[in-house]
Protein backbone atom coordinates (compact mmCIF):
# COMPACT_ATOMS: atom_id res chain seq x y z
CA UNK A 1 -1.86 -1.47 -37.48
CA UNK A 2 0.00 -4.32 -37.61
CA UNK A 3 -0.05 -6.75 -34.57
CA UNK A 4 4.14 -6.69 -34.32
CA UNK A 5 3.95 -2.79 -34.53
CA UNK A 6 1.19 -2.66 -32.01
CA UNK A 7 3.16 -4.83 -29.20
CA UNK A 8 6.28 -2.26 -30.27
CA UNK A 9 4.15 0.53 -29.30
CA UNK A 10 3.24 -0.71 -25.90
CA UNK A 11 6.44 -2.23 -24.95
CA UNK A 12 7.97 1.50 -25.86
CA UNK A 13 5.39 2.65 -23.46
CA UNK A 14 5.96 0.75 -20.60
CA UNK A 15 9.64 1.13 -20.89
CA UNK A 16 9.27 4.92 -21.04
CA UNK A 17 6.68 5.06 -18.33
CA UNK A 18 8.68 2.51 -15.89
CA UNK A 19 11.91 5.02 -16.27
CA UNK A 20 9.68 7.89 -15.49
CA UNK A 21 8.15 6.55 -12.54
CA UNK A 22 11.43 5.16 -11.20
CA UNK A 23 12.88 9.00 -11.58
CA UNK A 24 9.68 10.21 -9.70
CA UNK A 25 10.16 8.00 -6.95
CA UNK A 26 13.41 8.98 -6.18
CA UNK A 27 12.50 12.36 -6.37
CA UNK A 28 12.06 14.27 -2.67
CA UNK A 29 8.62 14.89 -1.72
CA UNK A 30 6.94 12.16 -3.95
CA UNK A 31 3.32 10.86 -3.70
CA UNK A 32 2.74 7.18 -2.99
CA UNK A 33 -0.23 7.04 -4.91
CA UNK A 34 1.35 8.41 -8.16
CA UNK A 35 4.05 5.59 -7.92
CA UNK A 36 1.37 2.96 -7.31
CA UNK A 37 -0.30 4.15 -10.60
CA UNK A 38 2.79 4.14 -12.16
CA UNK A 39 3.54 0.83 -11.45
CA UNK A 40 -0.07 -0.21 -12.26
CA UNK A 41 -0.15 1.00 -15.65
CA UNK A 42 3.18 0.09 -16.53
CA UNK A 43 2.15 -3.93 -15.61
CA UNK A 44 -0.81 -3.18 -17.84
CA UNK A 45 1.43 -1.80 -20.67
CA UNK A 46 3.66 -4.99 -20.57
CA UNK A 47 0.26 -7.02 -20.09
CA UNK A 48 -1.00 -5.42 -23.80
CA UNK A 49 2.40 -5.79 -25.06
CA UNK A 50 2.37 -9.69 -24.70
CA UNK A 51 -0.90 -9.80 -25.87
C-alpha cells in the first residue's frame, strides 16, 4: 500500500475512533476503562498516521 494512502487510512480510523469514544463518553452508564482505551487507541492511530 502506498504510504500516503496508509497515512490517510490511519487518520480516518483515528477520527472515527475519537468521535465514537466521545459520544460513548457522553452516554449515561459508560465504563471509564473503555473511554481510556479509546483515547489510547486514538493516540496510537494518530501516531501511526504521522509516521
